[in-house]
Amino acid sequence: MKKTNTGAKPIRIVAGQYRRTPIPVPDVPSLRPTPDRVRETLFNWLTHLWDGHYADKRVLDLFAGSGALGFEAASRGATQVQMVESDRKAATALRALRDKLKADAVRIHVGDALQAVQRMDASRFELILLDPPFNQEWLPRLWPLLPGILAEDALVYVESEAPLDPPGEFEILRQDRAGAVHYGLLQFAASQK
């Protein structure tokens, strides 16, 4: 069942230099913006694990949608935020918000998430944000590709319609649930590649 964001609660950037900026949510099928409370929880986890240091972090927001997760990382000072979004309407909204904020760290790629990962030869990210459309089996297709683009001890944030069950080289550090959405923060163990 596809959900749309029709009637979705307005969202905003929770913290950092773009704090309180409203995030437009385009009317795109399957778009489920991560709620403010869940983003606040995620970034509290990250701030604790990284001692508040975002400046040297490269972030990949693989299913950017509204951009809520990626713009939150940029707002907190991530050095690079690469957003990937397949829907052109959503990508146009992402570019408009990036330009409004003058968020120079944000890059936007329009295209398929799987193809984007397969083409990232030399990229290494400290954080990958995965909030794929539900019930489309994205995670099983992505797990084998992620080690090739993750930095040592990198983190992966995942939202899923089911409890998280990552492969062995990913350790679940934190997890929770908000309504029907399971979410968690995983650490990549490079030594198990």
N, C-alpha and C. Protein backbone atom coordinates (compact mmCIF):
# COMPACT_ATOMS: atom_id res chain seq x y z
N MET A 1 0.83 -1.18 0.00
CA MET A 1 0.00 0.00 0.00
C MET A 1 0.87 1.24 0.00
N LYS A 2 0.69 2.11 -0.98
CA LYS A 2 1.46 3.34 -1.06
C LYS A 2 0.79 4.41 -0.21
N LYS A 3 1.61 5.12 0.52
CA LYS A 3 1.09 6.24 1.31
C LYS A 3 1.57 7.52 0.66
N THR A 4 0.79 8.54 0.77
CA THR A 4 1.23 9.85 0.32
C THR A 4 1.28 10.77 1.52
N ASN A 5 1.86 11.91 1.30
CA ASN A 5 2.01 12.85 2.40
C ASN A 5 0.85 13.83 2.46
N THR A 6 -0.22 13.58 1.73
CA THR A 6 -1.35 14.49 1.74
C THR A 6 -1.82 14.69 3.18
N GLY A 7 -1.88 15.93 3.59
CA GLY A 7 -2.28 16.23 4.95
C GLY A 7 -1.17 16.01 5.97
N ALA A 8 0.06 15.84 5.49
CA ALA A 8 1.17 15.60 6.41
C ALA A 8 1.40 16.82 7.30
N LYS A 9 1.80 16.55 8.51
CA LYS A 9 2.10 17.60 9.45
C LYS A 9 3.33 18.37 8.95
N PRO A 10 3.31 19.70 9.01
CA PRO A 10 4.49 20.46 8.58
C PRO A 10 5.71 20.06 9.39
N ILE A 11 6.85 20.04 8.73
CA ILE A 11 8.09 19.69 9.43
C ILE A 11 9.07 20.85 9.34
N ARG A 12 10.08 20.80 10.19
CA ARG A 12 11.07 21.88 10.24
C ARG A 12 12.42 21.27 10.59
N ILE A 13 13.47 22.03 10.35
CA ILE A 13 14.81 21.62 10.78
C ILE A 13 14.88 21.84 12.28
N VAL A 14 15.31 20.81 13.01
CA VAL A 14 15.24 20.82 14.47
C VAL A 14 16.34 21.66 15.11
N ALA A 15 17.57 21.57 14.62
CA ALA A 15 18.69 22.24 15.31
C ALA A 15 19.75 22.68 14.31
N GLY A 16 20.74 23.42 14.83
CA GLY A 16 21.85 23.86 14.00
C GLY A 16 21.61 25.22 13.36
N GLN A 17 22.43 25.53 12.36
CA GLN A 17 22.38 26.86 11.76
C GLN A 17 21.10 27.15 10.99
N TYR A 18 20.38 26.11 10.54
CA TYR A 18 19.12 26.30 9.82
C TYR A 18 17.91 26.01 10.71
N ARG A 19 18.13 25.98 12.00
CA ARG A 19 17.08 25.63 12.96
C ARG A 19 15.79 26.40 12.70
N ARG A 20 14.68 25.67 12.84
CA ARG A 20 13.31 26.19 12.69
C ARG A 20 12.91 26.48 11.25
N THR A 21 13.80 26.23 10.28
CA THR A 21 13.43 26.44 8.88
C THR A 21 12.38 25.41 8.49
N PRO A 22 11.25 25.85 7.95
CA PRO A 22 10.24 24.88 7.48
C PRO A 22 10.77 24.11 6.27
N ILE A 23 10.40 22.85 6.20
CA ILE A 23 10.79 22.00 5.07
C ILE A 23 9.54 21.71 4.25
N PRO A 24 9.49 22.20 3.02
CA PRO A 24 8.33 21.91 2.18
C PRO A 24 8.26 20.41 1.89
N VAL A 25 7.07 19.86 1.94
CA VAL A 25 6.89 18.44 1.67
C VAL A 25 6.08 18.31 0.38
N PRO A 26 6.76 17.98 -0.73
CA PRO A 26 6.03 17.85 -1.99
C PRO A 26 5.06 16.68 -1.96
N ASP A 27 4.00 16.79 -2.73
CA ASP A 27 2.99 15.72 -2.80
C ASP A 27 3.50 14.65 -3.76
N VAL A 28 4.23 13.69 -3.20
CA VAL A 28 4.87 12.62 -3.98
C VAL A 28 4.46 11.28 -3.36
N PRO A 29 4.00 10.32 -4.19
CA PRO A 29 3.64 9.00 -3.64
C PRO A 29 4.78 8.38 -2.85
N SER A 30 4.46 7.70 -1.77
CA SER A 30 5.41 6.97 -0.91
C SER A 30 6.30 7.87 -0.06
N LEU A 31 6.14 9.19 -0.15
CA LEU A 31 6.99 10.09 0.64
C LEU A 31 6.48 10.14 2.07
N ARG A 32 7.35 9.75 3.03
CA ARG A 32 7.04 9.78 4.45
C ARG A 32 8.15 10.57 5.15
N PRO A 33 8.00 11.87 5.28
CA PRO A 33 9.07 12.63 5.95
C PRO A 33 9.29 12.13 7.37
N THR A 34 10.53 12.02 7.76
CA THR A 34 10.85 11.60 9.12
C THR A 34 10.38 12.70 10.08
N PRO A 35 9.51 12.35 11.04
CA PRO A 35 8.98 13.37 11.96
C PRO A 35 10.09 14.06 12.77
N ASP A 36 9.79 15.29 13.18
CA ASP A 36 10.75 16.07 13.97
C ASP A 36 11.27 15.28 15.18
N ARG A 37 10.37 14.63 15.90
CA ARG A 37 10.77 13.92 17.12
C ARG A 37 11.75 12.79 16.83
N VAL A 38 11.53 12.06 15.74
CA VAL A 38 12.43 10.96 15.37
C VAL A 38 13.79 11.51 14.93
N ARG A 39 13.77 12.60 14.15
CA ARG A 39 15.04 13.22 13.74
C ARG A 39 15.81 13.74 14.95
N GLU A 40 15.08 14.32 15.89
CA GLU A 40 15.74 14.81 17.11
C GLU A 40 16.40 13.66 17.85
N THR A 41 15.71 12.52 17.95
CA THR A 41 16.28 11.34 18.60
C THR A 41 17.54 10.88 17.87
N LEU A 42 17.44 10.74 16.54
CA LEU A 42 18.60 10.30 15.74
C LEU A 42 19.79 11.22 15.96
N PHE A 43 19.57 12.52 15.86
CA PHE A 43 20.70 13.44 15.97
C PHE A 43 21.21 13.58 17.40
N ASN A 44 20.39 13.29 18.39
CA ASN A 44 20.91 13.18 19.76
C ASN A 44 21.86 11.99 19.86
N TRP A 45 21.47 10.86 19.25
CA TRP A 45 22.36 9.68 19.23
C TRP A 45 23.68 10.04 18.55
N LEU A 46 23.60 10.68 17.38
CA LEU A 46 24.82 11.02 16.63
C LEU A 46 25.69 12.00 17.40
N THR A 47 25.07 13.01 18.00
CA THR A 47 25.84 14.00 18.76
C THR A 47 26.58 13.32 19.91
N HIS A 48 25.94 12.38 20.57
CA HIS A 48 26.59 11.63 21.65
C HIS A 48 27.76 10.80 21.10
N LEU A 49 27.53 10.05 20.04
CA LEU A 49 28.57 9.16 19.50
C LEU A 49 29.74 9.93 18.89
N TRP A 50 29.47 11.09 18.31
CA TRP A 50 30.50 11.88 17.65
C TRP A 50 30.98 13.04 18.52
N ASP A 51 30.61 13.08 19.78
CA ASP A 51 30.97 14.18 20.68
C ASP A 51 30.64 15.54 20.08
N GLY A 52 29.55 15.60 19.32
CA GLY A 52 29.10 16.87 18.76
C GLY A 52 29.87 17.35 17.55
N HIS A 53 30.81 16.54 17.03
CA HIS A 53 31.65 16.95 15.90
C HIS A 53 31.07 16.44 14.58
N TYR A 54 30.53 17.35 13.79
CA TYR A 54 29.97 17.01 12.48
C TYR A 54 30.84 17.51 11.34
N ALA A 55 31.77 18.42 11.65
CA ALA A 55 32.50 19.14 10.60
C ALA A 55 33.31 18.25 9.68
N ASP A 56 33.72 17.08 10.14
CA ASP A 56 34.53 16.20 9.28
C ASP A 56 33.70 15.03 8.73
N LYS A 57 32.39 15.12 8.80
CA LYS A 57 31.51 14.01 8.42
C LYS A 57 30.94 14.21 7.02
N ARG A 58 31.04 13.14 6.22
CA ARG A 58 30.41 13.10 4.90
C ARG A 58 29.18 12.21 5.02
N VAL A 59 28.06 12.73 4.54
CA VAL A 59 26.76 12.08 4.74
C VAL A 59 26.12 11.80 3.39
N LEU A 60 25.54 10.61 3.27
CA LEU A 60 24.77 10.24 2.08
C LEU A 60 23.33 10.02 2.50
N ASP A 61 22.42 10.82 1.96
CA ASP A 61 20.98 10.67 2.20
C ASP A 61 20.43 10.01 0.94
N LEU A 62 20.29 8.69 0.99
CA LEU A 62 20.09 7.91 -0.23
C LEU A 62 18.66 7.96 -0.79
N PHE A 63 17.68 8.20 0.05
CA PHE A 63 16.29 8.37 -0.41
C PHE A 63 15.82 9.69 0.17
N ALA A 64 16.31 10.79 -0.37
CA ALA A 64 16.19 12.09 0.28
C ALA A 64 14.75 12.54 0.51
N GLY A 65 13.85 12.31 -0.43
CA GLY A 65 12.45 12.72 -0.24
C GLY A 65 12.33 14.21 0.02
N SER A 66 11.87 14.57 1.21
CA SER A 66 11.75 15.98 1.58
C SER A 66 13.10 16.60 1.93
N GLY A 67 14.11 15.75 2.17
CA GLY A 67 15.43 16.24 2.57
C GLY A 67 15.57 16.46 4.05
N ALA A 68 14.56 16.09 4.83
CA ALA A 68 14.57 16.37 6.27
C ALA A 68 15.83 15.83 6.95
N LEU A 69 16.22 14.60 6.66
CA LEU A 69 17.40 14.01 7.31
C LEU A 69 18.69 14.69 6.83
N GLY A 70 18.84 14.85 5.54
CA GLY A 70 20.06 15.46 4.99
C GLY A 70 20.24 16.90 5.39
N PHE A 71 19.16 17.68 5.35
CA PHE A 71 19.28 19.09 5.75
C PHE A 71 19.56 19.22 7.24
N GLU A 72 19.07 18.28 8.02
CA GLU A 72 19.39 18.27 9.46
C GLU A 72 20.89 18.08 9.65
N ALA A 73 21.49 17.16 8.90
CA ALA A 73 22.94 16.93 8.99
C ALA A 73 23.71 18.16 8.53
N ALA A 74 23.28 18.77 7.44
CA ALA A 74 23.94 19.99 6.94
C ALA A 74 23.82 21.12 7.96
N SER A 75 22.66 21.24 8.57
CA SER A 75 22.42 22.29 9.56
C SER A 75 23.37 22.17 10.74
N ARG A 76 23.74 20.94 11.07
CA ARG A 76 24.64 20.71 12.20
C ARG A 76 26.10 20.75 11.82
N GLY A 77 26.40 21.04 10.54
CA GLY A 77 27.77 21.30 10.14
C GLY A 77 28.48 20.19 9.38
N ALA A 78 27.76 19.18 8.88
CA ALA A 78 28.42 18.13 8.09
C ALA A 78 29.14 18.77 6.91
N THR A 79 30.34 18.28 6.63
CA THR A 79 31.16 18.88 5.57
C THR A 79 30.60 18.63 4.18
N GLN A 80 29.91 17.49 4.00
CA GLN A 80 29.31 17.16 2.71
C GLN A 80 28.04 16.36 2.96
N VAL A 81 26.97 16.73 2.26
CA VAL A 81 25.73 15.97 2.31
C VAL A 81 25.31 15.70 0.87
N GLN A 82 25.41 14.44 0.47
CA GLN A 82 24.99 14.04 -0.87
C GLN A 82 23.59 13.46 -0.77
N MET A 83 22.64 14.10 -1.44
CA MET A 83 21.26 13.62 -1.45
C MET A 83 20.98 12.94 -2.79
N VAL A 84 20.29 11.80 -2.73
CA VAL A 84 19.87 11.09 -3.93
C VAL A 84 18.35 10.98 -3.87
N GLU A 85 17.70 11.39 -4.94
CA GLU A 85 16.23 11.35 -5.00
C GLU A 85 15.81 11.02 -6.42
N SER A 86 14.92 10.04 -6.57
CA SER A 86 14.51 9.62 -7.91
C SER A 86 13.36 10.46 -8.47
N ASP A 87 12.55 11.07 -7.62
CA ASP A 87 11.40 11.84 -8.08
C ASP A 87 11.82 13.27 -8.42
N ARG A 88 11.57 13.68 -9.65
CA ARG A 88 12.01 15.01 -10.10
C ARG A 88 11.32 16.15 -9.34
N LYS A 89 10.06 15.97 -9.01
CA LYS A 89 9.33 17.00 -8.25
C LYS A 89 9.97 17.19 -6.87
N ALA A 90 10.28 16.08 -6.21
CA ALA A 90 10.95 16.16 -4.91
C ALA A 90 12.33 16.77 -5.04
N ALA A 91 13.07 16.39 -6.09
CA ALA A 91 14.42 16.94 -6.29
C ALA A 91 14.37 18.44 -6.53
N THR A 92 13.36 18.92 -7.24
CA THR A 92 13.20 20.36 -7.47
C THR A 92 12.98 21.08 -6.14
N ALA A 93 12.17 20.50 -5.26
CA ALA A 93 11.94 21.09 -3.94
C ALA A 93 13.23 21.08 -3.11
N LEU A 94 14.02 20.00 -3.22
CA LEU A 94 15.30 19.93 -2.50
C LEU A 94 16.23 21.05 -2.95
N ARG A 95 16.33 21.23 -4.25
CA ARG A 95 17.22 22.28 -4.79
C ARG A 95 16.76 23.66 -4.35
N ALA A 96 15.45 23.88 -4.35
CA ALA A 96 14.92 25.19 -3.94
C ALA A 96 15.28 25.48 -2.48
N LEU A 97 15.13 24.48 -1.61
CA LEU A 97 15.46 24.69 -0.20
C LEU A 97 16.97 24.87 -0.01
N ARG A 98 17.77 24.05 -0.71
CA ARG A 98 19.23 24.21 -0.64
C ARG A 98 19.64 25.62 -1.04
N ASP A 99 19.08 26.11 -2.15
CA ASP A 99 19.44 27.45 -2.63
C ASP A 99 18.97 28.54 -1.66
N LYS A 100 17.77 28.37 -1.10
CA LYS A 100 17.25 29.34 -0.13
C LYS A 100 18.16 29.43 1.09
N LEU A 101 18.64 28.27 1.55
CA LEU A 101 19.50 28.23 2.73
C LEU A 101 20.96 28.56 2.43
N LYS A 102 21.30 28.59 1.13
CA LYS A 102 22.71 28.73 0.71
C LYS A 102 23.55 27.62 1.35
N ALA A 103 22.99 26.41 1.32
CA ALA A 103 23.62 25.24 1.94
C ALA A 103 24.63 24.63 0.97
N ASP A 104 25.82 25.21 0.94
CA ASP A 104 26.85 24.81 -0.02
C ASP A 104 27.34 23.38 0.16
N ALA A 105 27.16 22.82 1.34
CA ALA A 105 27.62 21.44 1.59
C ALA A 105 26.69 20.40 0.95
N VAL A 106 25.51 20.84 0.51
CA VAL A 106 24.50 19.91 -0.01
C VAL A 106 24.62 19.76 -1.52
N ARG A 107 24.72 18.51 -1.97
CA ARG A 107 24.71 18.17 -3.40
C ARG A 107 23.49 17.29 -3.64
N ILE A 108 22.83 17.48 -4.77
CA ILE A 108 21.61 16.73 -5.07
C ILE A 108 21.77 15.99 -6.38
N HIS A 109 21.52 14.69 -6.34
CA HIS A 109 21.60 13.83 -7.53
C HIS A 109 20.20 13.26 -7.79
N VAL A 110 19.71 13.46 -9.01
CA VAL A 110 18.41 12.90 -9.37
C VAL A 110 18.67 11.55 -10.04
N GLY A 111 18.13 10.49 -9.43
CA GLY A 111 18.32 9.17 -10.02
C GLY A 111 17.98 8.06 -9.04
N ASP A 112 18.16 6.85 -9.49
CA ASP A 112 17.87 5.65 -8.73
C ASP A 112 18.94 5.42 -7.65
N ALA A 113 18.50 5.09 -6.45
CA ALA A 113 19.42 4.89 -5.32
C ALA A 113 20.41 3.76 -5.59
N LEU A 114 19.95 2.66 -6.12
CA LEU A 114 20.82 1.51 -6.39
C LEU A 114 21.90 1.86 -7.40
N GLN A 115 21.52 2.51 -8.48
CA GLN A 115 22.50 2.92 -9.48
C GLN A 115 23.47 3.95 -8.92
N ALA A 116 22.98 4.86 -8.10
CA ALA A 116 23.86 5.87 -7.50
C ALA A 116 24.94 5.22 -6.65
N VAL A 117 24.56 4.24 -5.83
CA VAL A 117 25.53 3.55 -4.97
C VAL A 117 26.54 2.79 -5.84
N GLN A 118 26.08 2.13 -6.87
CA GLN A 118 26.97 1.35 -7.72
C GLN A 118 27.98 2.22 -8.45
N ARG A 119 27.68 3.49 -8.64
CA ARG A 119 28.58 4.40 -9.36
C ARG A 119 29.52 5.18 -8.44
N MET A 120 29.40 5.02 -7.14
CA MET A 120 30.23 5.77 -6.19
C MET A 120 31.51 5.01 -5.90
N ASP A 121 32.47 5.09 -6.82
CA ASP A 121 33.69 4.31 -6.70
C ASP A 121 34.56 4.70 -5.51
N ALA A 122 34.94 5.95 -5.43
CA ALA A 122 35.91 6.37 -4.42
C ALA A 122 35.28 7.02 -3.20
N SER A 123 33.97 7.15 -3.19
CA SER A 123 33.30 7.84 -2.09
C SER A 123 33.33 6.99 -0.82
N ARG A 124 33.54 7.66 0.29
CA ARG A 124 33.48 7.02 1.60
C ARG A 124 32.71 7.96 2.52
N PHE A 125 31.65 7.43 3.12
CA PHE A 125 30.78 8.25 3.97
C PHE A 125 30.87 7.79 5.41
N GLU A 126 30.81 8.76 6.33
CA GLU A 126 30.77 8.45 7.76
C GLU A 126 29.34 8.14 8.22
N LEU A 127 28.36 8.58 7.43
CA LEU A 127 26.95 8.33 7.77
C LEU A 127 26.15 8.16 6.50
N ILE A 128 25.37 7.08 6.45
CA ILE A 128 24.41 6.89 5.37
C ILE A 128 23.02 6.86 6.00
N LEU A 129 22.12 7.64 5.41
CA LEU A 129 20.74 7.73 5.87
C LEU A 129 19.86 6.96 4.89
N LEU A 130 19.18 5.92 5.38
CA LEU A 130 18.34 5.07 4.54
C LEU A 130 16.90 5.12 5.02
N ASP A 131 16.06 5.80 4.26
CA ASP A 131 14.63 5.85 4.54
C ASP A 131 13.91 5.53 3.24
N PRO A 132 14.03 4.28 2.77
CA PRO A 132 13.47 3.91 1.47
C PRO A 132 11.95 3.74 1.51
N PRO A 133 11.31 3.79 0.34
CA PRO A 133 9.88 3.46 0.30
C PRO A 133 9.66 2.06 0.88
N PHE A 134 8.61 1.91 1.64
CA PHE A 134 8.34 0.63 2.29
C PHE A 134 7.81 -0.40 1.31
N ASN A 135 7.98 -1.66 1.69
CA ASN A 135 7.44 -2.81 0.96
C ASN A 135 7.94 -2.91 -0.48
N GLN A 136 9.18 -2.47 -0.70
CA GLN A 136 9.78 -2.59 -2.03
C GLN A 136 11.12 -3.32 -1.99
N GLU A 137 11.44 -3.91 -0.84
CA GLU A 137 12.65 -4.74 -0.70
C GLU A 137 13.95 -4.01 -1.05
N TRP A 138 14.03 -2.73 -0.66
CA TRP A 138 15.24 -1.96 -0.91
C TRP A 138 16.42 -2.43 -0.06
N LEU A 139 16.20 -2.68 1.22
CA LEU A 139 17.32 -2.98 2.11
C LEU A 139 18.08 -4.23 1.69
N PRO A 140 17.44 -5.36 1.36
CA PRO A 140 18.21 -6.53 0.94
C PRO A 140 19.08 -6.26 -0.29
N ARG A 141 18.64 -5.36 -1.16
CA ARG A 141 19.44 -5.03 -2.35
C ARG A 141 20.60 -4.10 -2.02
N LEU A 142 20.42 -3.28 -0.99
CA LEU A 142 21.45 -2.30 -0.65
C LEU A 142 22.54 -2.82 0.28
N TRP A 143 22.17 -3.70 1.23
CA TRP A 143 23.16 -4.16 2.22
C TRP A 143 24.49 -4.58 1.58
N PRO A 144 24.51 -5.41 0.52
CA PRO A 144 25.79 -5.86 -0.03
C PRO A 144 26.62 -4.74 -0.66
N LEU A 145 25.97 -3.64 -1.05
CA LEU A 145 26.68 -2.55 -1.72
C LEU A 145 27.26 -1.52 -0.75
N LEU A 146 26.68 -1.41 0.43
CA LEU A 146 27.08 -0.36 1.37
C LEU A 146 28.53 -0.44 1.82
N PRO A 147 29.10 -1.63 2.11
CA PRO A 147 30.49 -1.66 2.56
C PRO A 147 31.46 -0.95 1.62
N GLY A 148 31.17 -0.94 0.33
CA GLY A 148 32.06 -0.30 -0.64
C GLY A 148 32.09 1.21 -0.57
N ILE A 149 31.12 1.82 0.13
CA ILE A 149 31.08 3.29 0.19
C ILE A 149 31.12 3.82 1.63
N LEU A 150 31.34 2.92 2.58
CA LEU A 150 31.37 3.34 3.99
C LEU A 150 32.80 3.51 4.48
N ALA A 151 33.03 4.57 5.25
CA ALA A 151 34.30 4.76 5.92
C ALA A 151 34.40 3.76 7.07
N GLU A 152 35.58 3.60 7.61
CA GLU A 152 35.77 2.71 8.75
C GLU A 152 34.93 3.20 9.92
N ASP A 153 34.24 2.28 10.59
CA ASP A 153 33.37 2.59 11.74
C ASP A 153 32.24 3.56 11.40
N ALA A 154 31.84 3.59 10.14
CA ALA A 154 30.75 4.47 9.71
C ALA A 154 29.44 4.03 10.35
N LEU A 155 28.49 4.96 10.32
CA LEU A 155 27.16 4.70 10.87
C LEU A 155 26.13 4.68 9.75
N VAL A 156 25.09 3.88 9.94
CA VAL A 156 23.99 3.80 8.98
C VAL A 156 22.70 3.94 9.77
N TYR A 157 21.89 4.92 9.37
CA TYR A 157 20.56 5.09 9.96
C TYR A 157 19.55 4.48 9.02
N VAL A 158 18.63 3.67 9.57
CA VAL A 158 17.65 2.96 8.75
C VAL A 158 16.24 3.15 9.30
N GLU A 159 15.29 3.39 8.40
CA GLU A 159 13.87 3.34 8.72
C GLU A 159 13.28 2.19 7.92
N SER A 160 12.41 1.42 8.57
CA SER A 160 11.86 0.23 7.93
C SER A 160 10.45 -0.05 8.42
N GLU A 161 9.71 -0.79 7.61
CA GLU A 161 8.36 -1.21 8.01
C GLU A 161 8.40 -2.42 8.93
N ALA A 162 9.58 -3.04 9.09
CA ALA A 162 9.73 -4.24 9.92
C ALA A 162 10.92 -4.05 10.86
N PRO A 163 11.01 -4.84 11.93
CA PRO A 163 12.18 -4.75 12.80
C PRO A 163 13.47 -4.93 11.99
N LEU A 164 14.50 -4.21 12.39
CA LEU A 164 15.77 -4.23 11.64
C LEU A 164 16.45 -5.59 11.77
N ASP A 165 16.97 -6.07 10.65
CA ASP A 165 17.68 -7.34 10.61
C ASP A 165 18.86 -7.21 9.64
N PRO A 166 19.88 -6.43 10.03
CA PRO A 166 20.99 -6.18 9.11
C PRO A 166 21.95 -7.37 9.04
N PRO A 167 22.78 -7.41 7.99
CA PRO A 167 23.80 -8.46 7.91
C PRO A 167 24.83 -8.32 9.03
N GLY A 168 25.65 -9.35 9.19
CA GLY A 168 26.58 -9.45 10.32
C GLY A 168 27.59 -8.34 10.45
N GLU A 169 27.96 -7.67 9.35
CA GLU A 169 28.98 -6.62 9.48
C GLU A 169 28.42 -5.29 9.99
N PHE A 170 27.12 -5.28 10.30
CA PHE A 170 26.47 -4.10 10.86
C PHE A 170 25.93 -4.43 12.25
N GLU A 171 26.34 -3.63 13.22
CA GLU A 171 25.88 -3.82 14.60
C GLU A 171 24.84 -2.75 14.93
N ILE A 172 23.70 -3.18 15.46
CA ILE A 172 22.67 -2.21 15.87
C ILE A 172 23.10 -1.56 17.18
N LEU A 173 23.31 -0.24 17.13
CA LEU A 173 23.73 0.51 18.33
C LEU A 173 22.51 1.01 19.11
N ARG A 174 21.52 1.51 18.39
CA ARG A 174 20.31 2.04 19.00
C ARG A 174 19.15 1.72 18.06
N GLN A 175 17.97 1.49 18.64
CA GLN A 175 16.79 1.32 17.81
C GLN A 175 15.55 1.69 18.61
N ASP A 176 14.51 2.03 17.88
CA ASP A 176 13.26 2.42 18.51
C ASP A 176 12.16 2.24 17.47
N ARG A 177 10.96 2.65 17.85
CA ARG A 177 9.81 2.53 16.96
C ARG A 177 8.93 3.75 17.17
N ALA A 178 8.41 4.27 16.06
CA ALA A 178 7.45 5.37 16.10
C ALA A 178 6.26 4.95 15.25
N GLY A 179 5.17 4.58 15.90
CA GLY A 179 4.01 4.06 15.17
C GLY A 179 4.39 2.78 14.45
N ALA A 180 4.17 2.75 13.14
CA ALA A 180 4.48 1.55 12.35
C ALA A 180 5.92 1.55 11.83
N VAL A 181 6.69 2.60 12.14
CA VAL A 181 8.04 2.73 11.61
C VAL A 181 9.08 2.27 12.64
N HIS A 182 9.91 1.32 12.21
CA HIS A 182 11.06 0.88 13.01
C HIS A 182 12.26 1.69 12.53
N TYR A 183 13.06 2.19 13.47
CA TYR A 183 14.24 2.93 13.06
C TYR A 183 15.40 2.60 13.98
N GLY A 184 16.60 2.71 13.42
CA GLY A 184 17.77 2.38 14.22
C GLY A 184 19.05 2.93 13.64
N LEU A 185 20.06 2.96 14.48
CA LEU A 185 21.39 3.42 14.09
C LEU A 185 22.33 2.23 14.20
N LEU A 186 23.01 1.95 13.11
CA LEU A 186 23.91 0.79 13.02
C LEU A 186 25.34 1.27 12.81
N GLN A 187 26.29 0.46 13.27
CA GLN A 187 27.70 0.76 13.01
C GLN A 187 28.26 -0.31 12.10
N PHE A 188 29.04 0.15 11.14
CA PHE A 188 29.68 -0.73 10.19
C PHE A 188 31.04 -1.17 10.73
N ALA A 189 31.28 -2.46 10.76
CA ALA A 189 32.57 -2.99 11.23
C ALA A 189 33.42 -3.32 9.99
N ALA A 190 34.29 -2.40 9.61
CA ALA A 190 35.10 -2.54 8.40
C ALA A 190 35.94 -3.79 8.41
N SER A 191 36.35 -4.24 9.59
CA SER A 191 37.23 -5.41 9.69
C SER A 191 36.52 -6.68 9.21
N GLN A 192 35.22 -6.66 9.10
CA GLN A 192 34.48 -7.84 8.67
C GLN A 192 34.16 -7.82 7.19
N LYS A 193 34.70 -6.84 6.44
CA LYS A 193 34.44 -6.75 5.00
C LYS A 193 34.93 -7.98 4.30
